[in-house]
Amino acid sequence: MYEPKDVLTSIEQVYANQRQPYESQTQKFIDHIDDLCRIWIEHSTFLTMATVDRAGNMDISPKGDPAGFVKVLDPKTLAIPDRPGNHRYDGFRNIMETGRVGLVFLVPNRNEVVRVNGSAVVVEDMAVREQCAIKGRVPDFAVIVRVEEAFYHCGKSIIRSRLWHPDAQLPVDALPTYAEALMAHGELTEDIADLAARLRHNDEKRLYDE
C-alpha cells in the first residue's frame, strides 16, 4: 500500500511557492442567495451534495432533475427534493448527526459552477414537498439548506475535463455495467440478466416511483 511522502501540514507550506489568490477570489463569498446565484440554481439540472457524520466520514450524493428542481424558498433557504433511489439515506444520516452540507450546482454547457455551504435538516413539510412534485409525484422528503456561504467557482476543471464535449471522451463500451458491478461488489447470486432487466426497468419506468 502506498505510504504518502512529503506531506504538507500547514496552508503556509502550500503558499510558500505559489501565487497568492486574487482579490476577486478572496472576496467573492456571500452569505445568501442573491439574484445571480438564484438564476444559476434555477437553471441547474444536477448537483452534488456532500455531508459528514460525527466521526468525520464523508458522503457525496448526486441529485438530478429538470431545471428548477431545487427551490429557492428565500435568500437564505434552499429546498432539495429527495427522489427514490437506493434507500440507504447516507446523506440523511449524516445531516441528522452534524447538520452540515456542501453543494455544487452544474448547468449543462456552462463551465463554471455555483457552490453553497451551510446547515441542513430533513423535513416532511407537505407545502415544500408539493412545490417539488414532478409528473404528479410528490417526494417523501426534502432537504432544507440554510445558506451560510454561496459563490461562483471558475470553470477550469470542466474545461480541462471536456465534460460538455462528448465527442472528445473515451469510449464507454469496455466499462462494467451497473449490474456487473453490483454482482461483483455485493457477491450476489441472482441471475445477472434478471438483475440487469430490473435495473433497466427502474431507469426507464420508475424514476419518480418508490
Protein backbone atom coordinates (compact mmCIF):
# COMPACT_ATOMS: atom_id res chain seq x y z
CA MET A 1 0.00 0.00 0.00
CA TYR A 2 1.28 3.45 -0.90
CA GLU A 3 2.61 5.49 2.03
CA PRO A 4 2.35 9.27 1.47
CA LYS A 5 5.64 11.18 1.38
CA ASP A 6 6.43 14.90 1.75
CA VAL A 7 3.12 15.53 3.49
CA LEU A 8 2.18 19.18 3.96
CA THR A 9 0.85 20.13 7.38
CA SER A 10 0.07 23.85 7.04
CA ILE A 11 -1.51 26.12 4.47
CA GLU A 12 1.60 28.30 4.69
CA GLN A 13 3.57 25.47 3.08
CA VAL A 14 1.12 25.49 0.19
CA TYR A 15 1.52 29.22 -0.40
CA ALA A 16 5.28 29.23 0.10
CA ASN A 17 5.97 28.70 -3.61
CA GLN A 18 2.57 29.65 -5.01
CA ARG A 19 0.97 32.92 -6.01
CA GLN A 20 -1.40 34.44 -3.52
CA PRO A 21 -5.08 34.30 -4.54
CA TYR A 22 -6.52 37.20 -6.50
CA GLU A 23 -8.68 39.65 -4.60
CA SER A 24 -11.68 38.55 -6.66
CA GLN A 25 -11.24 35.03 -5.26
CA THR A 26 -10.95 36.06 -1.61
CA GLN A 27 -13.91 38.43 -1.61
CA LYS A 28 -16.42 36.58 -3.80
CA PHE A 29 -18.22 34.81 -0.95
CA ILE A 30 -21.70 35.95 0.07
CA ASP A 31 -23.93 34.62 2.85
CA HIS A 32 -27.19 34.33 0.91
CA ILE A 33 -28.70 33.50 -2.48
CA ASP A 34 -28.75 36.71 -4.50
CA ASP A 35 -30.27 37.05 -7.98
CA LEU A 36 -27.04 35.88 -9.66
CA CYS A 37 -26.94 32.66 -7.65
CA ARG A 38 -30.70 32.16 -7.81
CA ILE A 39 -30.88 32.19 -11.60
CA TRP A 40 -27.99 29.70 -11.78
CA ILE A 41 -29.66 27.34 -9.29
CA GLU A 42 -32.94 27.60 -11.18
CA HIS A 43 -31.14 26.52 -14.38
CA SER A 44 -29.20 23.69 -12.73
CA THR A 45 -30.16 20.11 -13.60
CA PHE A 46 -27.51 18.37 -11.49
CA LEU A 47 -25.82 18.90 -8.14
CA THR A 48 -23.61 17.01 -5.76
CA MET A 49 -24.39 17.11 -2.04
CA ALA A 50 -21.57 16.48 0.44
CA THR A 51 -22.32 15.56 4.05
CA VAL A 52 -20.27 14.36 7.03
CA ASP A 53 -21.04 12.31 10.12
CA ARG A 54 -19.79 12.85 13.68
CA ALA A 55 -16.77 10.64 13.07
CA GLY A 56 -15.71 12.66 10.04
CA ASN A 57 -16.81 10.08 7.46
CA MET A 58 -17.83 11.79 4.23
CA ASP A 59 -20.55 11.09 1.70
CA ILE A 60 -21.19 12.80 -1.64
CA SER A 61 -24.51 12.14 -3.33
CA PRO A 62 -25.61 13.14 -6.85
CA LYS A 63 -29.00 14.81 -7.30
CA GLY A 64 -30.59 15.47 -10.67
CA ASP A 65 -33.90 16.54 -12.19
CA PRO A 66 -35.21 19.03 -14.75
CA ALA A 67 -34.06 22.61 -14.32
CA GLY A 68 -35.69 24.30 -11.34
CA PHE A 69 -35.87 21.20 -9.18
CA VAL A 70 -34.08 22.95 -6.31
CA LYS A 71 -36.38 25.61 -4.88
CA VAL A 72 -35.09 28.93 -3.58
CA LEU A 73 -37.55 29.47 -0.74
CA ASP A 74 -35.93 32.73 0.33
CA PRO A 75 -32.44 34.30 0.14
CA LYS A 76 -31.20 32.10 2.98
CA THR A 77 -33.06 28.85 2.26
CA LEU A 78 -33.00 26.11 -0.40
CA ALA A 79 -35.21 23.03 -0.68
CA ILE A 80 -33.84 19.90 -2.38
CA PRO A 81 -36.37 17.12 -3.11
CA ASP A 82 -35.40 13.55 -2.32
CA ARG A 83 -36.22 11.20 -5.19
CA PRO A 84 -36.47 7.39 -4.98
CA GLY A 85 -33.03 5.80 -5.00
CA ASN A 86 -31.16 3.10 -3.14
CA HIS A 87 -32.96 3.76 0.18
CA ARG A 88 -29.65 3.90 2.06
CA TYR A 89 -30.18 7.53 3.12
CA ASP A 90 -26.48 8.04 3.85
CA GLY A 91 -26.81 11.81 3.47
CA PHE A 92 -29.86 11.88 5.74
CA ARG A 93 -27.97 10.03 8.48
CA ASN A 94 -25.08 12.47 8.25
CA ILE A 95 -27.34 15.54 8.25
CA MET A 96 -29.13 14.23 11.34
CA GLU A 97 -25.76 13.77 13.08
CA THR A 98 -23.97 17.00 12.14
CA GLY A 99 -26.39 19.16 10.18
CA ARG A 100 -23.67 20.22 7.71
CA VAL A 101 -23.88 20.23 3.93
CA GLY A 102 -21.94 21.38 0.87
CA LEU A 103 -23.45 21.69 -2.61
CA VAL A 104 -22.06 22.09 -6.13
CA PHE A 105 -24.55 23.14 -8.84
CA LEU A 106 -23.86 22.34 -12.50
CA VAL A 107 -25.63 23.83 -15.52
CA PRO A 108 -25.21 21.95 -18.83
CA ASN A 109 -22.93 23.69 -21.33
CA ARG A 110 -21.59 26.14 -18.74
CA ASN A 111 -18.08 25.62 -17.40
CA GLU A 112 -18.49 27.40 -14.08
CA VAL A 113 -20.33 26.04 -11.04
CA VAL A 114 -22.06 27.61 -8.06
CA ARG A 115 -21.13 26.32 -4.62
CA VAL A 116 -23.25 26.60 -1.48
CA ASN A 117 -22.26 25.64 2.07
CA GLY A 118 -24.39 25.69 5.18
CA SER A 119 -26.54 23.74 7.60
CA ALA A 120 -29.34 21.33 6.74
CA VAL A 121 -32.34 19.43 8.08
CA VAL A 122 -34.60 16.77 6.58
CA VAL A 123 -38.33 17.63 6.52
CA GLU A 124 -41.69 16.14 5.59
CA ASP A 125 -43.25 19.61 5.16
CA MET A 126 -46.02 18.99 2.60
CA ALA A 127 -46.15 22.62 1.47
CA VAL A 128 -42.48 22.39 0.46
CA ARG A 129 -42.73 18.88 -0.98
CA GLU A 130 -45.69 19.80 -3.19
CA GLN A 131 -43.60 22.54 -4.80
CA CYS A 132 -41.14 19.80 -5.82
CA ALA A 133 -43.67 17.44 -7.45
CA ILE A 134 -42.86 16.06 -10.90
CA LYS A 135 -45.40 14.15 -13.00
CA GLY A 136 -47.72 14.25 -10.01
CA ARG A 137 -45.16 12.51 -7.79
CA VAL A 138 -44.60 14.37 -4.53
CA PRO A 139 -41.27 13.44 -2.89
CA ASP A 140 -41.46 11.85 0.56
CA PHE A 141 -38.80 14.16 1.98
CA ALA A 142 -36.91 17.35 1.27
CA VAL A 143 -33.56 18.62 2.48
CA ILE A 144 -33.76 22.20 3.69
CA VAL A 145 -30.44 24.03 3.40
CA ARG A 146 -29.78 27.18 5.42
CA VAL A 147 -27.26 29.09 3.33
CA GLU A 148 -24.12 30.33 5.06
CA GLU A 149 -21.85 30.72 2.04
CA ALA A 150 -22.52 30.97 -1.71
CA PHE A 151 -20.15 31.71 -4.55
CA TYR A 152 -19.33 31.17 -8.21
CA HIS A 153 -16.40 28.85 -8.94
CA CYS A 154 -14.28 29.15 -12.10
CA GLY A 155 -14.65 26.70 -14.98
CA LYS A 156 -11.10 25.39 -15.37
CA SER A 157 -11.84 21.87 -14.14
CA ILE A 158 -14.78 21.39 -16.51
CA ILE A 159 -12.82 22.91 -19.39
CA ARG A 160 -9.94 20.51 -18.73
CA SER A 161 -12.29 17.52 -18.47
CA ARG A 162 -14.12 18.43 -21.73
CA LEU A 163 -17.27 17.49 -19.82
CA TRP A 164 -19.65 19.08 -22.31
CA HIS A 165 -17.78 17.66 -25.33
CA PRO A 166 -18.86 14.00 -25.56
CA ASP A 167 -17.08 13.62 -28.88
CA ALA A 168 -13.78 14.12 -27.01
CA GLN A 169 -14.46 11.47 -24.35
CA LEU A 170 -13.13 7.94 -24.20
CA PRO A 171 -15.47 5.18 -25.45
CA VAL A 172 -17.56 3.58 -22.71
CA ASP A 173 -18.10 0.16 -24.29
CA ALA A 174 -15.45 -1.51 -22.13
CA LEU A 175 -16.83 -0.18 -18.83
CA PRO A 176 -18.60 -2.61 -16.50
CA THR A 177 -22.37 -2.34 -16.42
CA TYR A 178 -24.13 -1.35 -13.21
CA ALA A 179 -25.42 -4.92 -12.92
CA GLU A 180 -21.91 -6.36 -13.25
CA ALA A 181 -20.61 -4.02 -10.54
CA LEU A 182 -23.45 -4.87 -8.16
CA MET A 183 -22.96 -8.59 -8.73
CA ALA A 184 -19.23 -8.42 -8.03
CA HIS A 185 -19.17 -5.98 -5.13
CA GLY A 186 -22.25 -7.41 -3.43
CA GLU A 187 -21.30 -11.03 -4.14
CA LEU A 188 -24.87 -11.56 -5.34
CA THR A 189 -26.11 -14.93 -6.51
CA GLU A 190 -29.10 -13.89 -8.61
CA ASP A 191 -29.05 -14.18 -12.38
CA ILE A 192 -27.22 -11.20 -13.88
CA ALA A 193 -29.66 -10.96 -16.79
CA ASP A 194 -32.58 -10.68 -14.35
CA LEU A 195 -30.76 -8.02 -12.34
CA ALA A 196 -29.89 -6.04 -15.48
CA ALA A 197 -33.53 -6.19 -16.62
CA ARG A 198 -34.74 -4.94 -13.23
CA LEU A 199 -32.27 -2.07 -13.23
CA ARG A 200 -33.24 -1.14 -16.78
CA HIS A 201 -36.92 -1.17 -15.80
CA ASN A 202 -36.17 1.13 -12.85
CA ASP A 203 -34.32 3.56 -15.10
CA GLU A 204 -37.00 3.60 -17.78
CA LYS A 205 -40.24 3.30 -15.80
CA ARG A 206 -39.69 4.23 -12.16
CA LEU A 207 -37.72 7.47 -11.96
CA TYR A 208 -40.33 9.05 -9.69
CA ASP A 209 -41.77 5.90 -8.08
CA GLU A 210 -40.74 4.07 -4.94
